[in-house]
Amino acid sequence: MSDRHAHLVKVFSCSDGSFLYEVGGGAVDVESNEPAGLTIDKAGHLLAYSGGNHSVRVFTLGGKSITMFGEYGNKLGQVNRPCSVSVLNSGRIVVDEFANHRLQIFK
């Protein structure tokens, strides 16, 4: 689950609900500034949009940061206040942007 105000993502066990680990933390954490909108891609990676960083962060299910995409702006590939992230059957990633009033599709 995402905790935007604590700037982290908390991971719990599906089998018994026990807390496993957290990713991020701290008010100025570059990895996860206001994380939200969690989804899992076809490769089994956790994606979380970061409203404070105007980007999408990609983590392993073990919590290791793999990559990120997006940066602040209104051009293609840039993001302004993402508000949801989804994965299509094709594996492409759809980012809904609140401030740019659009959807962008990433490979």
N, C-alpha and C. Protein backbone atom coordinates (compact mmCIF):
# COMPACT_ATOMS: atom_id res chain seq x y z
N MET A 1 0.84 -1.16 0.00
CA MET A 1 0.00 0.00 0.00
C MET A 1 0.88 1.23 0.00
N SER A 2 0.40 2.30 -0.61
CA SER A 2 1.19 3.53 -0.65
C SER A 2 0.79 4.45 0.51
N ASP A 3 1.77 5.15 1.03
CA ASP A 3 1.55 6.13 2.09
C ASP A 3 2.17 7.43 1.61
N ARG A 4 1.36 8.25 0.92
CA ARG A 4 1.86 9.49 0.30
C ARG A 4 2.50 10.42 1.31
N HIS A 5 1.92 10.55 2.49
CA HIS A 5 2.41 11.52 3.47
C HIS A 5 3.72 11.08 4.12
N ALA A 6 3.94 9.77 4.22
CA ALA A 6 5.21 9.26 4.76
C ALA A 6 6.22 9.03 3.65
N HIS A 7 5.81 9.21 2.39
CA HIS A 7 6.68 9.06 1.21
C HIS A 7 7.26 7.65 1.10
N LEU A 8 6.40 6.65 1.29
CA LEU A 8 6.88 5.29 1.16
C LEU A 8 5.76 4.35 0.74
N VAL A 9 6.18 3.15 0.34
CA VAL A 9 5.26 2.07 -0.02
C VAL A 9 5.48 0.96 1.00
N LYS A 10 4.41 0.46 1.60
CA LYS A 10 4.48 -0.62 2.57
C LYS A 10 4.00 -1.90 1.90
N VAL A 11 4.74 -2.97 2.09
CA VAL A 11 4.41 -4.26 1.46
C VAL A 11 4.03 -5.25 2.55
N PHE A 12 2.90 -5.93 2.31
CA PHE A 12 2.36 -6.91 3.25
C PHE A 12 2.23 -8.26 2.56
N SER A 13 2.22 -9.32 3.34
CA SER A 13 2.05 -10.68 2.83
C SER A 13 0.61 -10.88 2.38
N CYS A 14 0.43 -11.49 1.21
CA CYS A 14 -0.92 -11.82 0.73
C CYS A 14 -1.52 -12.96 1.54
N SER A 15 -0.69 -13.85 2.04
CA SER A 15 -1.22 -15.03 2.72
C SER A 15 -1.76 -14.74 4.11
N ASP A 16 -1.05 -13.91 4.89
CA ASP A 16 -1.52 -13.66 6.25
C ASP A 16 -1.61 -12.18 6.63
N GLY A 17 -1.29 -11.28 5.71
CA GLY A 17 -1.41 -9.85 5.96
C GLY A 17 -0.30 -9.25 6.80
N SER A 18 0.73 -10.03 7.10
CA SER A 18 1.81 -9.51 7.94
C SER A 18 2.68 -8.53 7.15
N PHE A 19 3.21 -7.54 7.86
CA PHE A 19 4.09 -6.53 7.25
C PHE A 19 5.40 -7.19 6.83
N LEU A 20 5.85 -6.91 5.59
CA LEU A 20 7.10 -7.49 5.09
C LEU A 20 8.23 -6.46 5.06
N TYR A 21 8.02 -5.33 4.39
CA TYR A 21 9.05 -4.30 4.28
C TYR A 21 8.44 -3.03 3.72
N GLU A 22 9.24 -1.97 3.68
CA GLU A 22 8.79 -0.72 3.07
C GLU A 22 9.87 -0.20 2.13
N VAL A 23 9.42 0.59 1.16
CA VAL A 23 10.29 1.20 0.17
C VAL A 23 10.16 2.70 0.31
N GLY A 24 11.29 3.39 0.39
CA GLY A 24 11.27 4.85 0.48
C GLY A 24 11.25 5.33 1.90
N GLY A 25 10.72 6.54 2.09
CA GLY A 25 10.63 7.15 3.41
C GLY A 25 11.39 8.46 3.45
N GLY A 26 11.00 9.34 4.31
CA GLY A 26 11.64 10.64 4.43
C GLY A 26 10.97 11.67 3.54
N ALA A 27 10.89 12.89 4.01
CA ALA A 27 10.14 13.93 3.31
C ALA A 27 10.72 14.32 1.96
N VAL A 28 11.99 14.08 1.74
CA VAL A 28 12.59 14.47 0.46
C VAL A 28 13.21 13.28 -0.25
N ASP A 29 12.69 12.10 0.00
CA ASP A 29 13.21 10.87 -0.60
C ASP A 29 13.05 10.93 -2.11
N VAL A 30 14.16 10.84 -2.82
CA VAL A 30 14.14 10.89 -4.29
C VAL A 30 13.43 9.68 -4.87
N GLU A 31 13.52 8.54 -4.21
CA GLU A 31 12.92 7.32 -4.73
C GLU A 31 11.40 7.36 -4.72
N SER A 32 10.81 8.00 -3.73
CA SER A 32 9.36 7.88 -3.60
C SER A 32 8.75 9.12 -2.94
N ASN A 33 8.70 10.20 -3.66
CA ASN A 33 8.10 11.43 -3.17
C ASN A 33 6.61 11.41 -3.49
N GLU A 34 5.77 11.23 -2.49
CA GLU A 34 4.32 11.11 -2.62
C GLU A 34 3.92 9.93 -3.51
N PRO A 35 4.38 8.72 -3.21
CA PRO A 35 4.01 7.58 -4.04
C PRO A 35 2.54 7.23 -3.90
N ALA A 36 1.96 6.73 -4.97
CA ALA A 36 0.56 6.30 -4.96
C ALA A 36 0.35 5.44 -6.20
N GLY A 37 -0.89 5.11 -6.50
CA GLY A 37 -1.23 4.42 -7.74
C GLY A 37 -0.40 3.21 -8.05
N LEU A 38 -0.45 2.20 -7.22
CA LEU A 38 0.38 1.02 -7.39
C LEU A 38 -0.23 0.04 -8.39
N THR A 39 0.64 -0.61 -9.16
CA THR A 39 0.22 -1.69 -10.04
C THR A 39 1.42 -2.61 -10.26
N ILE A 40 1.15 -3.81 -10.77
CA ILE A 40 2.20 -4.78 -11.07
C ILE A 40 2.22 -4.98 -12.58
N ASP A 41 3.42 -4.93 -13.20
CA ASP A 41 3.51 -5.14 -14.64
C ASP A 41 3.64 -6.61 -14.98
N LYS A 42 3.70 -6.93 -16.27
CA LYS A 42 3.75 -8.32 -16.73
C LYS A 42 5.01 -9.05 -16.29
N ALA A 43 6.09 -8.30 -16.02
CA ALA A 43 7.35 -8.90 -15.58
C ALA A 43 7.37 -9.09 -14.07
N GLY A 44 6.30 -8.68 -13.38
CA GLY A 44 6.24 -8.84 -11.94
C GLY A 44 6.92 -7.72 -11.17
N HIS A 45 7.02 -6.55 -11.77
CA HIS A 45 7.60 -5.39 -11.10
C HIS A 45 6.49 -4.51 -10.52
N LEU A 46 6.78 -3.87 -9.41
CA LEU A 46 5.86 -2.94 -8.79
C LEU A 46 6.08 -1.56 -9.38
N LEU A 47 5.00 -0.94 -9.88
CA LEU A 47 5.06 0.42 -10.41
C LEU A 47 4.28 1.33 -9.48
N ALA A 48 4.87 2.46 -9.16
CA ALA A 48 4.20 3.45 -8.31
C ALA A 48 4.42 4.82 -8.91
N TYR A 49 3.34 5.54 -9.18
CA TYR A 49 3.56 6.90 -9.67
C TYR A 49 3.93 7.77 -8.49
N SER A 50 4.77 8.74 -8.77
CA SER A 50 5.27 9.65 -7.75
C SER A 50 4.83 11.06 -8.11
N GLY A 51 3.77 11.53 -7.46
CA GLY A 51 3.25 12.86 -7.76
C GLY A 51 4.24 13.96 -7.47
N GLY A 52 5.02 13.81 -6.41
CA GLY A 52 6.00 14.83 -6.05
C GLY A 52 7.19 14.89 -6.98
N ASN A 53 7.50 13.76 -7.64
CA ASN A 53 8.63 13.70 -8.58
C ASN A 53 8.17 13.72 -10.03
N HIS A 54 6.84 13.72 -10.27
CA HIS A 54 6.30 13.72 -11.63
C HIS A 54 6.89 12.58 -12.44
N SER A 55 6.85 11.38 -11.88
CA SER A 55 7.46 10.23 -12.54
C SER A 55 6.77 8.95 -12.10
N VAL A 56 7.17 7.84 -12.73
CA VAL A 56 6.74 6.51 -12.31
C VAL A 56 8.01 5.75 -11.93
N ARG A 57 7.99 5.17 -10.75
CA ARG A 57 9.12 4.40 -10.24
C ARG A 57 8.82 2.92 -10.41
N VAL A 58 9.85 2.15 -10.77
CA VAL A 58 9.70 0.71 -10.97
C VAL A 58 10.60 0.00 -9.97
N PHE A 59 10.00 -0.94 -9.20
CA PHE A 59 10.71 -1.68 -8.17
C PHE A 59 10.53 -3.17 -8.40
N THR A 60 11.48 -3.97 -7.90
CA THR A 60 11.24 -5.41 -7.82
C THR A 60 10.23 -5.62 -6.70
N LEU A 61 9.63 -6.79 -6.65
CA LEU A 61 8.70 -7.07 -5.56
C LEU A 61 9.44 -7.18 -4.23
N GLY A 62 10.76 -7.30 -4.28
CA GLY A 62 11.58 -7.30 -3.08
C GLY A 62 11.92 -5.91 -2.58
N GLY A 63 11.52 -4.87 -3.35
CA GLY A 63 11.72 -3.50 -2.91
C GLY A 63 12.92 -2.78 -3.50
N LYS A 64 13.66 -3.44 -4.40
CA LYS A 64 14.83 -2.79 -5.01
C LYS A 64 14.38 -1.89 -6.17
N SER A 65 14.86 -0.66 -6.18
CA SER A 65 14.55 0.26 -7.27
C SER A 65 15.24 -0.20 -8.55
N ILE A 66 14.47 -0.29 -9.63
CA ILE A 66 15.03 -0.72 -10.93
C ILE A 66 15.25 0.48 -11.83
N THR A 67 14.22 1.27 -12.00
CA THR A 67 14.30 2.42 -12.90
C THR A 67 13.16 3.37 -12.62
N MET A 68 13.13 4.45 -13.34
CA MET A 68 12.02 5.39 -13.30
C MET A 68 11.87 5.97 -14.69
N PHE A 69 10.69 6.51 -14.96
CA PHE A 69 10.51 7.23 -16.22
C PHE A 69 9.58 8.39 -15.98
N GLY A 70 9.70 9.37 -16.85
CA GLY A 70 8.94 10.60 -16.72
C GLY A 70 9.75 11.66 -16.00
N GLU A 71 9.43 12.89 -16.28
CA GLU A 71 10.02 14.03 -15.61
C GLU A 71 9.02 15.17 -15.73
N TYR A 72 9.17 16.20 -14.95
CA TYR A 72 8.21 17.30 -14.93
C TYR A 72 8.15 18.00 -16.29
N GLY A 73 6.95 18.23 -16.79
CA GLY A 73 6.76 18.99 -18.02
C GLY A 73 5.48 18.61 -18.72
N ASN A 74 5.29 19.18 -19.92
CA ASN A 74 4.07 18.89 -20.68
C ASN A 74 4.36 18.37 -22.09
N LYS A 75 5.61 18.06 -22.39
CA LYS A 75 5.96 17.46 -23.69
C LYS A 75 5.81 15.95 -23.59
N LEU A 76 5.87 15.27 -24.73
CA LEU A 76 5.79 13.81 -24.72
C LEU A 76 6.92 13.23 -23.88
N GLY A 77 6.58 12.28 -23.03
CA GLY A 77 7.56 11.68 -22.14
C GLY A 77 7.70 12.40 -20.82
N GLN A 78 7.19 13.62 -20.75
CA GLN A 78 7.21 14.37 -19.50
C GLN A 78 5.85 14.21 -18.82
N VAL A 79 5.82 14.37 -17.52
CA VAL A 79 4.61 14.11 -16.74
C VAL A 79 4.40 15.26 -15.76
N ASN A 80 3.13 15.61 -15.54
CA ASN A 80 2.81 16.64 -14.57
C ASN A 80 1.70 16.14 -13.66
N ARG A 81 2.04 15.82 -12.42
CA ARG A 81 1.14 15.33 -11.39
C ARG A 81 0.36 14.08 -11.83
N PRO A 82 1.06 12.96 -12.02
CA PRO A 82 0.36 11.73 -12.38
C PRO A 82 -0.65 11.37 -11.29
N CYS A 83 -1.79 10.82 -11.70
CA CYS A 83 -2.81 10.46 -10.72
C CYS A 83 -3.24 9.00 -10.81
N SER A 84 -2.75 8.27 -11.81
CA SER A 84 -2.94 6.82 -11.83
C SER A 84 -1.98 6.21 -12.84
N VAL A 85 -1.73 4.93 -12.66
CA VAL A 85 -0.88 4.17 -13.58
C VAL A 85 -1.52 2.80 -13.76
N SER A 86 -1.55 2.33 -15.01
CA SER A 86 -2.14 1.03 -15.34
C SER A 86 -1.26 0.33 -16.36
N VAL A 87 -1.40 -0.98 -16.42
CA VAL A 87 -0.67 -1.77 -17.40
C VAL A 87 -1.68 -2.43 -18.33
N LEU A 88 -1.50 -2.23 -19.64
CA LEU A 88 -2.37 -2.84 -20.65
C LEU A 88 -1.97 -4.29 -20.88
N ASN A 89 -2.84 -5.07 -21.52
CA ASN A 89 -2.52 -6.47 -21.86
C ASN A 89 -1.27 -6.57 -22.71
N SER A 90 -0.99 -5.53 -23.50
CA SER A 90 0.20 -5.52 -24.36
C SER A 90 1.48 -5.29 -23.56
N GLY A 91 1.34 -4.90 -22.28
CA GLY A 91 2.50 -4.60 -21.46
C GLY A 91 2.84 -3.12 -21.41
N ARG A 92 2.20 -2.34 -22.28
CA ARG A 92 2.44 -0.89 -22.25
C ARG A 92 1.84 -0.30 -20.98
N ILE A 93 2.42 0.81 -20.55
CA ILE A 93 2.03 1.45 -19.30
C ILE A 93 1.30 2.75 -19.60
N VAL A 94 0.12 2.91 -19.02
CA VAL A 94 -0.69 4.12 -19.21
C VAL A 94 -0.57 4.97 -17.96
N VAL A 95 -0.20 6.24 -18.15
CA VAL A 95 -0.10 7.18 -17.03
C VAL A 95 -1.14 8.28 -17.26
N ASP A 96 -2.01 8.44 -16.29
CA ASP A 96 -3.03 9.48 -16.30
C ASP A 96 -2.45 10.69 -15.58
N GLU A 97 -2.43 11.84 -16.26
CA GLU A 97 -1.83 13.05 -15.69
C GLU A 97 -2.91 14.06 -15.31
N PHE A 98 -2.95 14.41 -14.05
CA PHE A 98 -3.93 15.38 -13.55
C PHE A 98 -3.68 16.76 -14.14
N ALA A 99 -2.47 17.28 -14.03
CA ALA A 99 -2.19 18.67 -14.42
C ALA A 99 -2.12 18.87 -15.93
N ASN A 100 -1.75 17.84 -16.69
CA ASN A 100 -1.69 17.96 -18.15
C ASN A 100 -2.98 17.53 -18.82
N HIS A 101 -3.94 17.02 -18.06
CA HIS A 101 -5.26 16.60 -18.58
C HIS A 101 -5.12 15.64 -19.76
N ARG A 102 -4.32 14.58 -19.55
CA ARG A 102 -4.13 13.62 -20.65
C ARG A 102 -3.70 12.25 -20.11
N LEU A 103 -3.72 11.29 -21.02
CA LEU A 103 -3.16 9.96 -20.80
C LEU A 103 -1.95 9.83 -21.68
N GLN A 104 -0.88 9.24 -21.16
CA GLN A 104 0.28 8.91 -21.99
C GLN A 104 0.51 7.42 -21.91
N ILE A 105 0.95 6.83 -23.02
CA ILE A 105 1.24 5.41 -23.07
C ILE A 105 2.73 5.23 -23.27
N PHE A 106 3.37 4.48 -22.38
CA PHE A 106 4.81 4.21 -22.42
C PHE A 106 5.04 2.74 -22.73
N LYS A 107 6.16 2.43 -23.39
CA LYS A 107 6.56 1.04 -23.66
C LYS A 107 7.24 0.46 -22.46
